[in-house]
Protein backbone atom coordinates (compact mmCIF):
# COMPACT_ATOMS: atom_id res chain seq x y z
CA MET A 1 0.00 0.00 0.00
CA ALA A 2 1.31 3.46 -0.80
CA SER A 3 0.21 7.03 -0.33
CA GLU A 4 1.89 10.39 -0.75
CA TYR A 5 3.03 10.12 2.90
CA PHE A 6 4.28 6.53 3.31
CA VAL A 7 4.68 3.06 1.81
CA LEU A 8 3.59 -0.10 3.65
CA GLU A 9 4.55 -3.56 2.38
CA GLY A 10 3.76 -6.96 3.87
CA VAL A 11 6.49 -9.56 3.33
CA LYS A 12 6.15 -13.29 4.02
CA LEU A 13 9.45 -14.97 4.78
CA GLY A 14 9.80 -18.63 3.83
CA GLY A 15 11.15 -21.36 6.04
CA ALA A 16 14.16 -20.97 8.28
CA GLY A 17 17.31 -19.88 6.46
CA LYS A 18 15.71 -18.16 3.45
CA LEU A 19 16.78 -14.52 3.10
CA HIS A 20 14.81 -11.48 2.01
CA GLN A 21 17.06 -8.66 0.79
CA ALA A 22 15.89 -5.07 1.26
CA GLU A 23 17.29 -1.56 0.72
CA SER A 24 16.94 1.52 2.89
CA HIS A 25 18.84 3.85 0.50
CA GLY A 26 16.76 6.81 -0.62
CA LYS A 27 13.97 6.05 1.85
CA ASN A 28 15.16 8.10 4.88
CA PHE A 29 14.41 5.05 7.04
CA GLN A 30 12.37 1.86 7.15
CA ILE A 31 10.41 0.44 10.04
CA VAL A 32 10.35 -3.36 10.30
CA THR A 33 7.61 -4.94 12.46
CA VAL A 34 7.33 -8.70 12.91
CA THR A 35 3.72 -9.87 12.62
CA THR A 36 4.28 -13.65 12.67
CA GLY A 37 7.16 -15.80 13.91
CA GLU A 38 10.68 -14.68 14.69
CA VAL A 39 13.09 -12.82 12.40
CA GLU A 40 16.80 -12.02 12.23
CA LEU A 41 17.62 -8.60 10.73
CA SER A 42 21.23 -8.21 9.52
CA SER A 43 23.11 -5.20 8.14
CA GLY A 44 26.77 -4.24 8.02
CA GLY A 45 27.93 -7.02 10.33
CA GLU A 46 25.24 -6.25 12.94
CA THR A 47 22.45 -8.72 13.73
CA LEU A 48 19.21 -8.13 15.60
CA ARG A 49 16.71 -10.81 16.59
CA LEU A 50 13.06 -9.73 16.59
CA GLY A 51 10.07 -11.65 17.95
CA ILE A 52 6.40 -11.23 17.16
CA PHE A 53 5.20 -7.60 17.44
CA GLN A 54 8.74 -6.29 17.95
CA THR A 55 9.89 -3.39 15.76
CA ALA A 56 13.23 -2.08 14.49
CA LEU A 57 14.11 1.18 12.76
CA VAL A 58 16.58 0.83 9.86
CA SER A 59 18.23 4.12 8.94
CA GLU A 60 19.07 5.13 5.38
CA ALA A 61 22.76 4.90 6.31
CA ALA A 62 22.36 1.14 6.83
CA GLY A 63 21.92 0.66 3.09
CA SER A 64 21.05 -2.93 2.26
CA TYR A 65 19.87 -5.34 4.91
CA SER A 66 18.48 -8.85 5.07
CA LEU A 67 15.64 -10.50 6.92
CA LYS A 68 15.65 -14.21 7.75
CA ALA A 69 12.89 -16.27 9.37
CA LEU A 70 14.04 -18.24 12.40
CA GLY A 71 12.52 -21.63 13.20
CA GLY A 72 9.86 -21.59 10.48
CA ALA A 73 7.82 -19.15 8.44
CA ALA A 74 7.50 -15.51 9.50
CA ALA A 75 5.95 -12.28 8.22
CA VAL A 76 6.89 -8.62 8.58
CA LEU A 77 5.51 -5.21 7.72
CA LEU A 78 7.95 -2.77 6.11
CA ALA A 79 7.00 0.90 6.42
CA GLY A 80 8.84 3.91 5.08
CA LEU A 81 8.55 7.31 3.47
């Protein structure tokens, strides 16, 4: 979903170990919220583990980042400007 103010995207992550690549360049920031399962967010050698309903802010400076489902399928919402 998109409007003139923000973009919201739902992403389903496959089974454990499958990566979803994302970019924060040119978006000011992205907000990642886990809606199902557990996810590992990785960028620039840093790793953050997020459980259901936990949220992380990814700054534009982070550039590319990856999301990986842990222990089964997971889903996230990606929001940005």
